[in-house]
Amino acid sequence: AILDQVAQALVDSLAAMELSIFNVNHGFCEAVVRGLRSGFLMPEDYRRLSTSDTLEDMRSALEESDYGTFLQDEPSPLLVSTISKKCYEKLADEFRYVKAQTVEPLATFMDFIAREKMIDNVVMIIQGVL
């Protein structure tokens, strides 16, 4: 009976120890991604964008979101190509930041998905085509 109690105490302490190291490798990266996710445009943001008559109206609608600062240094008149370029730059900067916070095997996976053909494959896997 004493041996069973010692064994149970050992099992309980190992379980507690396992929880103390849970997500130690990917916890910060997960928190960063959750923070970035909270910056996604919401339905009301899309409504404001859909009612924009000009690109300047669109810039004003975006200023109220997490995208508010990425067009602030751009001179008027604003061009569609400028907006597209700035969106890609913002996405690439955020991707590089998240990748810099990762450890293996996630770092290798992010290297793979950064390549164009790999991106297409990942999208097809998500869509269930492959």
Foldseek 3Di string as FASTA:
>chain_A
DVVVVVVVVVVVVVVVVCVVCPCVQPVVLVVLVVVVVVQDDDPVLVVQCVPDPAVVSNLVSLLVGPNNPLCPPPDPPDDPVNVVVSVVVVVVVSLVVSLVSHDPPVVVVSVQCVDPVSVVVVVCVVVVND
